[in-house]
Amino acid sequence: MNNATTKLKVLVVDDYPSITSTLAEIFEDEGYETARAYSGEEAVKVAVSFRPNFIVSDVRMGALNGIDATMKILGALPECKVLFISGDLLSTA
């Protein structure tokens, strides 16, 4: 981190609240400031006010998926870093 008074900000986005909460708590335990969003639409709104340094986002969500939401966010915050996650590999056919 930059210094003791500046916390890096992480926006955690997933449509499963338990996943969002778990990831946010992990980042908080490591000293990051976090915000949570439960849809792509909410992520865009939260990012504008929260101004994260980093986004951890699910790929598949409702009407606005994680990739499209992040592209909108990066238009306003091009310096933001992104990590996409997906539980699709956990599904069985």
C-alpha atoms as a PDB file:
ATOM      1  CA  MET A   1       0.000   0.000   0.000  1.00  0.00           C
ATOM      2  CA  ASN A   2       1.085   3.577  -0.570  1.00  0.00           C
ATOM      3  CA  ASN A   3       1.200   4.666   3.068  1.00  0.00           C
ATOM      4  CA  ALA A   4      -0.569   4.196   6.390  1.00  0.00           C
ATOM      5  CA  THR A   5      -3.237   6.809   5.639  1.00  0.00           C
ATOM      6  CA  THR A   6      -4.111   5.754   2.069  1.00  0.00           C
ATOM      7  CA  LYS A   7      -5.968   2.482   1.662  1.00  0.00           C
ATOM      8  CA  LEU A   8      -6.331   0.979  -1.774  1.00  0.00           C
ATOM      9  CA  LYS A   9      -9.977   0.578  -2.759  1.00  0.00           C
ATOM     10  CA  VAL A  10     -11.465  -2.656  -4.096  1.00  0.00           C
ATOM     11  CA  LEU A  11     -14.921  -2.989  -5.629  1.00  0.00           C
ATOM     12  CA  VAL A  12     -16.255  -6.551  -5.348  1.00  0.00           C
ATOM     13  CA  VAL A  13     -19.060  -7.448  -7.771  1.00  0.00           C
ATOM     14  CA  ASP A  14     -21.044 -10.682  -7.799  1.00  0.00           C
ATOM     15  CA  ASP A  15     -24.748 -11.491  -7.968  1.00  0.00           C
ATOM     16  CA  TYR A  16     -24.333 -14.038  -5.143  1.00  0.00           C
ATOM     17  CA  PRO A  17     -24.243 -12.045  -1.888  1.00  0.00           C
ATOM     18  CA  SER A  18     -22.306 -14.744  -0.030  1.00  0.00           C
ATOM     19  CA  ILE A  19     -19.483 -14.629  -2.574  1.00  0.00           C
ATOM     20  CA  THR A  20     -19.448 -10.832  -2.578  1.00  0.00           C
ATOM     21  CA  SER A  21     -19.315 -10.705   1.222  1.00  0.00           C
ATOM     22  CA  THR A  22     -16.628 -13.369   1.530  1.00  0.00           C
ATOM     23  CA  LEU A  23     -14.331 -11.712  -1.007  1.00  0.00           C
ATOM     24  CA  ALA A  24     -14.882  -8.251   0.486  1.00  0.00           C
ATOM     25  CA  GLU A  25     -14.078  -9.541   3.978  1.00  0.00           C
ATOM     26  CA  ILE A  26     -10.849 -11.124   2.738  1.00  0.00           C
ATOM     27  CA  PHE A  27      -9.749  -7.807   1.221  1.00  0.00           C
ATOM     28  CA  GLU A  28     -10.796  -5.897   4.356  1.00  0.00           C
ATOM     29  CA  ASP A  29      -8.777  -8.285   6.534  1.00  0.00           C
ATOM     30  CA  GLU A  30      -5.754  -7.409   4.386  1.00  0.00           C
ATOM     31  CA  GLY A  31      -6.287  -3.678   4.939  1.00  0.00           C
ATOM     32  CA  TYR A  32      -8.153  -2.683   1.776  1.00  0.00           C
ATOM     33  CA  GLU A  33     -11.199  -0.432   1.727  1.00  0.00           C
ATOM     34  CA  THR A  34     -14.032  -2.223  -0.050  1.00  0.00           C
ATOM     35  CA  ALA A  35     -17.381  -1.569  -1.664  1.00  0.00           C
ATOM     36  CA  ARG A  36     -19.831  -4.211  -2.791  1.00  0.00           C
ATOM     37  CA  ALA A  37     -22.189  -4.444  -5.760  1.00  0.00           C
ATOM     38  CA  TYR A  38     -24.591  -7.238  -6.622  1.00  0.00           C
ATOM     39  CA  SER A  39     -25.174  -6.542 -10.328  1.00  0.00           C
ATOM     40  CA  GLY A  40     -23.435  -4.954 -13.269  1.00  0.00           C
ATOM     41  CA  GLU A  41     -25.767  -1.968 -13.131  1.00  0.00           C
ATOM     42  CA  GLU A  42     -25.070  -1.415  -9.434  1.00  0.00           C
ATOM     43  CA  ALA A  43     -21.317  -1.800 -10.018  1.00  0.00           C
ATOM     44  CA  VAL A  44     -21.301   1.103 -12.473  1.00  0.00           C
ATOM     45  CA  LYS A  45     -23.167   3.342 -10.008  1.00  0.00           C
ATOM     46  CA  VAL A  46     -20.975   2.373  -7.039  1.00  0.00           C
ATOM     47  CA  ALA A  47     -17.735   2.778  -9.005  1.00  0.00           C
ATOM     48  CA  VAL A  48     -18.552   6.378  -9.946  1.00  0.00           C
ATOM     49  CA  SER A  49     -18.760   7.435  -6.301  1.00  0.00           C
ATOM     50  CA  PHE A  50     -16.324   4.938  -4.711  1.00  0.00           C
ATOM     51  CA  ARG A  51     -13.589   5.293  -7.368  1.00  0.00           C
ATOM     52  CA  PRO A  52     -11.872   1.923  -6.828  1.00  0.00           C
ATOM     53  CA  ASN A  53      -8.247   1.158  -7.628  1.00  0.00           C
ATOM     54  CA  PHE A  54      -9.166  -2.449  -8.350  1.00  0.00           C
ATOM     55  CA  ILE A  55     -12.305  -4.399  -9.335  1.00  0.00           C
ATOM     56  CA  VAL A  56     -12.984  -8.077  -8.717  1.00  0.00           C
ATOM     57  CA  SER A  57     -16.045  -8.994 -10.770  1.00  0.00           C
ATOM     58  CA  ASP A  58     -18.058 -12.029 -11.683  1.00  0.00           C
ATOM     59  CA  VAL A  59     -18.422 -12.418 -15.440  1.00  0.00           C
ATOM     60  CA  ARG A  60     -21.975 -13.729 -15.681  1.00  0.00           C
ATOM     61  CA  MET A  61     -24.662 -11.651 -14.038  1.00  0.00           C
ATOM     62  CA  GLY A  62     -28.087 -10.314 -15.048  1.00  0.00           C
ATOM     63  CA  ALA A  63     -28.794  -7.836 -17.823  1.00  0.00           C
ATOM     64  CA  LEU A  64     -25.385  -6.134 -17.626  1.00  0.00           C
ATOM     65  CA  ASN A  65     -22.621  -8.726 -17.311  1.00  0.00           C
ATOM     66  CA  GLY A  66     -19.337  -8.116 -15.511  1.00  0.00           C
ATOM     67  CA  ILE A  67     -17.328  -7.491 -18.669  1.00  0.00           C
ATOM     68  CA  ASP A  68     -19.733  -4.889 -20.053  1.00  0.00           C
ATOM     69  CA  ALA A  69     -20.090  -3.184 -16.659  1.00  0.00           C
ATOM     70  CA  THR A  70     -16.327  -3.029 -16.286  1.00  0.00           C
ATOM     71  CA  MET A  71     -15.906  -1.551 -19.764  1.00  0.00           C
ATOM     72  CA  LYS A  72     -18.289   1.254 -18.744  1.00  0.00           C
ATOM     73  CA  ILE A  73     -16.368   1.782 -15.492  1.00  0.00           C
ATOM     74  CA  LEU A  74     -13.014   1.855 -17.280  1.00  0.00           C
ATOM     75  CA  GLY A  75     -14.342   4.640 -19.500  1.00  0.00           C
ATOM     76  CA  ALA A  76     -14.455   6.829 -16.382  1.00  0.00           C
ATOM     77  CA  LEU A  77     -11.597   5.197 -14.455  1.00  0.00           C
ATOM     78  CA  PRO A  78      -9.041   3.997 -17.024  1.00  0.00           C
ATOM     79  CA  GLU A  79      -6.328   3.475 -14.382  1.00  0.00           C
ATOM     80  CA  CYS A  80      -8.452   0.898 -12.505  1.00  0.00           C
ATOM     81  CA  LYS A  81      -7.212  -2.713 -12.579  1.00  0.00           C
ATOM     82  CA  VAL A  82      -9.635  -5.625 -13.040  1.00  0.00           C
ATOM     83  CA  LEU A  83      -9.801  -9.306 -12.140  1.00  0.00           C
ATOM     84  CA  PHE A  84     -12.683 -11.350 -13.557  1.00  0.00           C
ATOM     85  CA  ILE A  85     -13.957 -14.433 -11.768  1.00  0.00           C
ATOM     86  CA  SER A  86     -16.532 -17.035 -12.739  1.00  0.00           C
ATOM     87  CA  GLY A  87     -18.114 -20.005 -11.057  1.00  0.00           C
ATOM     88  CA  ASP A  88     -19.058 -21.581 -14.387  1.00  0.00           C
ATOM     89  CA  LEU A  89     -16.351 -24.211 -14.051  1.00  0.00           C
ATOM     90  CA  LEU A  90     -18.018 -25.394 -10.848  1.00  0.00           C
ATOM     91  CA  SER A  91     -21.238 -26.219 -12.666  1.00  0.00           C
ATOM     92  CA  THR A  92     -21.950 -29.701 -13.905  1.00  0.00           C
ATOM     93  CA  ALA A  93     -23.761 -30.504 -17.109  1.00  0.00           C
END
